[in-house]
Amino acid sequence: MVSVLEQNRQKVSDFIAQTIAGWDPEATVKRIELAVGRDLQFVRMNGTLVGGLVGLTIYALTRLWR
């Protein structure tokens, strides 16, 4: 199975890109919000906090090693 995917990597990639490009953004967001429910806000907040902390840590480390 893996060798088939490796041989057709570009075709698979193009198929996925075309499929996603055909999605209606508003309908997709609504479907995701309905599937995930109220937890989506926690996912967004946690992603923001973790991303901010990681960015701050990287910034601090680069400033220390100069």
PDB file of N, CA and C in Angstrom:
ATOM      1  N   MET A   1       0.831  -1.201   0.000  1.00  0.00           N
ATOM      2  CA  MET A   1       0.000   0.000   0.000  1.00  0.00           C
ATOM      3  C   MET A   1       0.872   1.262   0.000  1.00  0.00           C
ATOM      4  N   VAL A   2       1.928   1.244   0.804  1.00  0.00           N
ATOM      5  CA  VAL A   2       2.793   2.418   0.896  1.00  0.00           C
ATOM      6  C   VAL A   2       3.481   2.687  -0.435  1.00  0.00           C
ATOM      7  N   SER A   3       3.920   1.635  -1.110  1.00  0.00           N
ATOM      8  CA  SER A   3       4.613   1.844  -2.384  1.00  0.00           C
ATOM      9  C   SER A   3       3.666   2.429  -3.438  1.00  0.00           C
ATOM     10  N   VAL A   4       2.399   2.039  -3.380  1.00  0.00           N
ATOM     11  CA  VAL A   4       1.420   2.592  -4.322  1.00  0.00           C
ATOM     12  C   VAL A   4       1.248   4.082  -4.060  1.00  0.00           C
ATOM     13  N   LEU A   5       1.174   4.455  -2.788  1.00  0.00           N
ATOM     14  CA  LEU A   5       1.047   5.874  -2.443  1.00  0.00           C
ATOM     15  C   LEU A   5       2.289   6.658  -2.835  1.00  0.00           C
ATOM     16  N   GLU A   6       3.457   6.066  -2.618  1.00  0.00           N
ATOM     17  CA  GLU A   6       4.691   6.751  -2.978  1.00  0.00           C
ATOM     18  C   GLU A   6       4.778   6.973  -4.487  1.00  0.00           C
ATOM     19  N   GLN A   7       4.325   6.008  -5.258  1.00  0.00           N
ATOM     20  CA  GLN A   7       4.377   6.132  -6.713  1.00  0.00           C
ATOM     21  C   GLN A   7       3.376   7.169  -7.223  1.00  0.00           C
ATOM     22  N   ASN A   8       2.287   7.348  -6.496  1.00  0.00           N
ATOM     23  CA  ASN A   8       1.226   8.255  -6.934  1.00  0.00           C
ATOM     24  C   ASN A   8       1.091   9.465  -6.014  1.00  0.00           C
ATOM     25  N   ARG A   9       2.164   9.829  -5.384  1.00  0.00           N
ATOM     26  CA  ARG A   9       2.142  10.915  -4.406  1.00  0.00           C
ATOM     27  C   ARG A   9       1.571  12.213  -4.980  1.00  0.00           C
ATOM     28  N   GLN A  10       2.008  12.605  -6.155  1.00  0.00           N
ATOM     29  CA  GLN A  10       1.544  13.855  -6.768  1.00  0.00           C
ATOM     30  C   GLN A  10       0.058  13.784  -7.112  1.00  0.00           C
ATOM     31  N   LYS A  11      -0.393  12.649  -7.628  1.00  0.00           N
ATOM     32  CA  LYS A  11      -1.809  12.488  -7.959  1.00  0.00           C
ATOM     33  C   LYS A  11      -2.680  12.573  -6.713  1.00  0.00           C
ATOM     34  N   VAL A  12      -2.239  11.924  -5.644  1.00  0.00           N
ATOM     35  CA  VAL A  12      -2.988  11.959  -4.382  1.00  0.00           C
ATOM     36  C   VAL A  12      -3.019  13.378  -3.840  1.00  0.00           C
ATOM     37  N   SER A  13      -1.884  14.042  -3.895  1.00  0.00           N
ATOM     38  CA  SER A  13      -1.794  15.419  -3.418  1.00  0.00           C
ATOM     39  C   SER A  13      -2.713  16.339  -4.212  1.00  0.00           C
ATOM     40  N   ASP A  14      -2.711  16.197  -5.520  1.00  0.00           N
ATOM     41  CA  ASP A  14      -3.581  17.013  -6.373  1.00  0.00           C
ATOM     42  C   ASP A  14      -5.049  16.738  -6.083  1.00  0.00           C
ATOM     43  N   PHE A  15      -5.393  15.468  -5.882  1.00  0.00           N
ATOM     44  CA  PHE A  15      -6.779  15.100  -5.585  1.00  0.00           C
ATOM     45  C   PHE A  15      -7.238  15.739  -4.277  1.00  0.00           C
ATOM     46  N   ILE A  16      -6.408  15.666  -3.249  1.00  0.00           N
ATOM     47  CA  ILE A  16      -6.757  16.258  -1.953  1.00  0.00           C
ATOM     48  C   ILE A  16      -6.894  17.769  -2.081  1.00  0.00           C
ATOM     49  N   ALA A  17      -5.964  18.402  -2.781  1.00  0.00           N
ATOM     50  CA  ALA A  17      -6.009  19.859  -2.951  1.00  0.00           C
ATOM     51  C   ALA A  17      -7.265  20.286  -3.701  1.00  0.00           C
ATOM     52  N   GLN A  18      -7.631  19.558  -4.757  1.00  0.00           N
ATOM     53  CA  GLN A  18      -8.836  19.886  -5.516  1.00  0.00           C
ATOM     54  C   GLN A  18     -10.094  19.684  -4.677  1.00  0.00           C
ATOM     55  N   THR A  19     -10.110  18.625  -3.876  1.00  0.00           N
ATOM     56  CA  THR A  19     -11.274  18.356  -3.027  1.00  0.00           C
ATOM     57  C   THR A  19     -11.468  19.470  -2.014  1.00  0.00           C
ATOM     58  N   ILE A  20     -10.396  19.863  -1.345  1.00  0.00           N
ATOM     59  CA  ILE A  20     -10.485  20.914  -0.331  1.00  0.00           C
ATOM     60  C   ILE A  20     -10.820  22.253  -0.971  1.00  0.00           C
ATOM     61  N   ALA A  21     -10.279  22.526  -2.148  1.00  0.00           N
ATOM     62  CA  ALA A  21     -10.565  23.786  -2.838  1.00  0.00           C
ATOM     63  C   ALA A  21     -12.044  23.905  -3.193  1.00  0.00           C
ATOM     64  N   GLY A  22     -12.712  22.772  -3.384  1.00  0.00           N
ATOM     65  CA  GLY A  22     -14.122  22.783  -3.724  1.00  0.00           C
ATOM     66  C   GLY A  22     -15.060  22.953  -2.539  1.00  0.00           C
ATOM     67  N   TRP A  23     -14.537  22.928  -1.323  1.00  0.00           N
ATOM     68  CA  TRP A  23     -15.366  23.074  -0.127  1.00  0.00           C
ATOM     69  C   TRP A  23     -15.819  24.519   0.029  1.00  0.00           C
ATOM     70  N   ASP A  24     -17.043  24.682   0.459  1.00  0.00           N
ATOM     71  CA  ASP A  24     -17.573  25.999   0.799  1.00  0.00           C
ATOM     72  C   ASP A  24     -17.082  26.345   2.205  1.00  0.00           C
ATOM     73  N   PRO A  25     -16.316  27.427   2.371  1.00  0.00           N
ATOM     74  CA  PRO A  25     -15.728  27.739   3.681  1.00  0.00           C
ATOM     75  C   PRO A  25     -16.767  27.882   4.802  1.00  0.00           C
ATOM     76  N   GLU A  26     -17.851  28.569   4.535  1.00  0.00           N
ATOM     77  CA  GLU A  26     -18.851  28.783   5.575  1.00  0.00           C
ATOM     78  C   GLU A  26     -19.515  27.474   5.985  1.00  0.00           C
ATOM     79  N   ALA A  27     -19.861  26.650   5.016  1.00  0.00           N
ATOM     80  CA  ALA A  27     -20.494  25.361   5.316  1.00  0.00           C
ATOM     81  C   ALA A  27     -19.526  24.446   6.064  1.00  0.00           C
ATOM     82  N   THR A  28     -18.260  24.484   5.683  1.00  0.00           N
ATOM     83  CA  THR A  28     -17.261  23.652   6.344  1.00  0.00           C
ATOM     84  C   THR A  28     -17.087  24.065   7.794  1.00  0.00           C
ATOM     85  N   VAL A  29     -17.013  25.368   8.038  1.00  0.00           N
ATOM     86  CA  VAL A  29     -16.873  25.859   9.409  1.00  0.00           C
ATOM     87  C   VAL A  29     -18.076  25.456  10.244  1.00  0.00           C
ATOM     88  N   LYS A  30     -19.273  25.587   9.689  1.00  0.00           N
ATOM     89  CA  LYS A  30     -20.482  25.207  10.431  1.00  0.00           C
ATOM     90  C   LYS A  30     -20.481  23.717  10.763  1.00  0.00           C
ATOM     91  N   ARG A  31     -20.072  22.886   9.815  1.00  0.00           N
ATOM     92  CA  ARG A  31     -20.013  21.440  10.063  1.00  0.00           C
ATOM     93  C   ARG A  31     -19.020  21.106  11.162  1.00  0.00           C
ATOM     94  N   ILE A  32     -17.864  21.751  11.131  1.00  0.00           N
ATOM     95  CA  ILE A  32     -16.853  21.501  12.160  1.00  0.00           C
ATOM     96  C   ILE A  32     -17.362  21.954  13.516  1.00  0.00           C
ATOM     97  N   GLU A  33     -17.967  23.132  13.565  1.00  0.00           N
ATOM     98  CA  GLU A  33     -18.485  23.634  14.834  1.00  0.00           C
ATOM     99  C   GLU A  33     -19.581  22.732  15.383  1.00  0.00           C
ATOM    100  N   LEU A  34     -20.431  22.205  14.529  1.00  0.00           N
ATOM    101  CA  LEU A  34     -21.476  21.287  14.992  1.00  0.00           C
ATOM    102  C   LEU A  34     -20.890  19.968  15.482  1.00  0.00           C
ATOM    103  N   ALA A  35     -19.855  19.486  14.796  1.00  0.00           N
ATOM    104  CA  ALA A  35     -19.240  18.217  15.177  1.00  0.00           C
ATOM    105  C   ALA A  35     -18.449  18.337  16.472  1.00  0.00           C
ATOM    106  N   VAL A  36     -17.735  19.434  16.617  1.00  0.00           N
ATOM    107  CA  VAL A  36     -16.883  19.610  17.796  1.00  0.00           C
ATOM    108  C   VAL A  36     -17.680  20.177  18.965  1.00  0.00           C
ATOM    109  N   GLY A  37     -18.626  21.033  18.651  1.00  0.00           N
ATOM    110  CA  GLY A  37     -19.486  21.585  19.693  1.00  0.00           C
ATOM    111  C   GLY A  37     -18.804  22.660  20.509  1.00  0.00           C
ATOM    112  N   ARG A  38     -19.177  22.717  21.780  1.00  0.00           N
ATOM    113  CA  ARG A  38     -18.674  23.773  22.658  1.00  0.00           C
ATOM    114  C   ARG A  38     -17.178  23.670  22.906  1.00  0.00           C
ATOM    115  N   ASP A  39     -16.615  22.496  22.722  1.00  0.00           N
ATOM    116  CA  ASP A  39     -15.183  22.316  22.961  1.00  0.00           C
ATOM    117  C   ASP A  39     -14.324  23.132  22.007  1.00  0.00           C
ATOM    118  N   LEU A  40     -14.900  23.562  20.906  1.00  0.00           N
ATOM    119  CA  LEU A  40     -14.124  24.314  19.915  1.00  0.00           C
ATOM    120  C   LEU A  40     -13.537  25.587  20.512  1.00  0.00           C
ATOM    121  N   GLN A  41     -14.278  26.261  21.373  1.00  0.00           N
ATOM    122  CA  GLN A  41     -13.760  27.480  22.000  1.00  0.00           C
ATOM    123  C   GLN A  41     -12.554  27.160  22.881  1.00  0.00           C
ATOM    124  N   PHE A  42     -12.603  26.039  23.598  1.00  0.00           N
ATOM    125  CA  PHE A  42     -11.464  25.653  24.431  1.00  0.00           C
ATOM    126  C   PHE A  42     -10.263  25.297  23.573  1.00  0.00           C
ATOM    127  N   VAL A  43     -10.506  24.649  22.435  1.00  0.00           N
ATOM    128  CA  VAL A  43      -9.416  24.317  21.520  1.00  0.00           C
ATOM    129  C   VAL A  43      -8.774  25.598  21.003  1.00  0.00           C
ATOM    130  N   ARG A  44      -9.596  26.572  20.635  1.00  0.00           N
ATOM    131  CA  ARG A  44      -9.072  27.849  20.141  1.00  0.00           C
ATOM    132  C   ARG A  44      -8.271  28.569  21.218  1.00  0.00           C
ATOM    133  N   MET A  45      -8.810  28.615  22.428  1.00  0.00           N
ATOM    134  CA  MET A  45      -8.115  29.315  23.517  1.00  0.00           C
ATOM    135  C   MET A  45      -6.815  28.611  23.869  1.00  0.00           C
ATOM    136  N   ASN A  46      -6.852  27.284  23.969  1.00  0.00           N
ATOM    137  CA  ASN A  46      -5.635  26.548  24.302  1.00  0.00           C
ATOM    138  C   ASN A  46      -4.588  26.712  23.212  1.00  0.00           C
ATOM    139  N   GLY A  47      -5.016  26.691  21.953  1.00  0.00           N
ATOM    140  CA  GLY A  47      -4.076  26.880  20.854  1.00  0.00           C
ATOM    141  C   GLY A  47      -3.432  28.248  20.906  1.00  0.00           C
ATOM    142  N   THR A  48      -4.225  29.249  21.242  1.00  0.00           N
ATOM    143  CA  THR A  48      -3.698  30.609  21.346  1.00  0.00           C
ATOM    144  C   THR A  48      -2.701  30.718  22.491  1.00  0.00           C
ATOM    145  N   LEU A  49      -3.074  30.168  23.638  1.00  0.00           N
ATOM    146  CA  LEU A  49      -2.188  30.250  24.811  1.00  0.00           C
ATOM    147  C   LEU A  49      -0.898  29.468  24.591  1.00  0.00           C
ATOM    148  N   VAL A  50      -1.022  28.251  24.107  1.00  0.00           N
ATOM    149  CA  VAL A  50       0.172  27.428  23.891  1.00  0.00           C
ATOM    150  C   VAL A  50       1.055  28.060  22.814  1.00  0.00           C
ATOM    151  N   GLY A  51       0.441  28.528  21.726  1.00  0.00           N
ATOM    152  CA  GLY A  51       1.219  29.177  20.674  1.00  0.00           C
ATOM    153  C   GLY A  51       1.940  30.414  21.175  1.00  0.00           C
ATOM    154  N   GLY A  52       1.253  31.202  21.992  1.00  0.00           N
ATOM    155  CA  GLY A  52       1.873  32.397  22.563  1.00  0.00           C
ATOM    156  C   GLY A  52       3.024  32.059  23.488  1.00  0.00           C
ATOM    157  N   LEU A  53       2.833  31.049  24.324  1.00  0.00           N
ATOM    158  CA  LEU A  53       3.899  30.646  25.251  1.00  0.00           C
ATOM    159  C   LEU A  53       5.104  30.078  24.508  1.00  0.00           C
ATOM    160  N   VAL A  54       4.851  29.287  23.478  1.00  0.00           N
ATOM    161  CA  VAL A  54       5.960  28.738  22.695  1.00  0.00           C
ATOM    162  C   VAL A  54       6.712  29.860  21.990  1.00  0.00           C
ATOM    163  N   GLY A  55       5.969  30.793  21.404  1.00  0.00           N
ATOM    164  CA  GLY A  55       6.610  31.927  20.741  1.00  0.00           C
ATOM    165  C   GLY A  55       7.427  32.756  21.706  1.00  0.00           C
ATOM    166  N   LEU A  56       6.880  33.018  22.872  1.00  0.00           N
ATOM    167  CA  LEU A  56       7.600  33.781  23.893  1.00  0.00           C
ATOM    168  C   LEU A  56       8.855  33.043  24.358  1.00  0.00           C
ATOM    169  N   THR A  57       8.752  31.736  24.524  1.00  0.00           N
ATOM    170  CA  THR A  57       9.908  30.934  24.937  1.00  0.00           C
ATOM    171  C   THR A  57      11.002  30.969  23.877  1.00  0.00           C
ATOM    172  N   ILE A  58      10.617  30.795  22.621  1.00  0.00           N
ATOM    173  CA  ILE A  58      11.605  30.838  21.532  1.00  0.00           C
ATOM    174  C   ILE A  58      12.266  32.215  21.478  1.00  0.00           C
ATOM    175  N   TYR A  59      11.466  33.258  21.596  1.00  0.00           N
ATOM    176  CA  TYR A  59      12.009  34.614  21.576  1.00  0.00           C
ATOM    177  C   TYR A  59      12.992  34.813  22.728  1.00  0.00           C
ATOM    178  N   ALA A  60      12.610  34.388  23.928  1.00  0.00           N
ATOM    179  CA  ALA A  60      13.470  34.562  25.097  1.00  0.00           C
ATOM    180  C   ALA A  60      14.780  33.780  24.928  1.00  0.00           C
ATOM    181  N   LEU A  61      14.672  32.557  24.426  1.00  0.00           N
ATOM    182  CA  LEU A  61      15.885  31.747  24.235  1.00  0.00           C
ATOM    183  C   LEU A  61      16.817  32.365  23.196  1.00  0.00           C
ATOM    184  N   THR A  62      16.259  32.905  22.125  1.00  0.00           N
ATOM    185  CA  THR A  62      17.133  33.518  21.109  1.00  0.00           C
ATOM    186  C   THR A  62      17.785  34.776  21.653  1.00  0.00           C
ATOM    187  N   ARG A  63      17.105  35.500  22.519  1.00  0.00           N
ATOM    188  CA  ARG A  63      17.702  36.708  23.109  1.00  0.00           C
ATOM    189  C   ARG A  63      18.802  36.351  24.099  1.00  0.00           C
ATOM    190  N   LEU A  64      18.656  35.231  24.796  1.00  0.00           N
ATOM    191  CA  LEU A  64      19.665  34.820  25.772  1.00  0.00           C
ATOM    192  C   LEU A  64      20.949  34.338  25.116  1.00  0.00           C
ATOM    193  N   TRP A  65      20.856  33.732  23.947  1.00  0.00           N
ATOM    194  CA  TRP A  65      22.026  33.155  23.291  1.00  0.00           C
ATOM    195  C   TRP A  65      22.725  34.120  22.347  1.00  0.00           C
ATOM    196  N   ARG A  66      22.444  35.372  22.417  1.00  0.00           N
ATOM    197  CA  ARG A  66      23.130  36.354  21.560  1.00  0.00           C
ATOM    198  C   ARG A  66      24.357  36.866  22.239  1.00  0.00           C
TER     199      ARG A  66
END
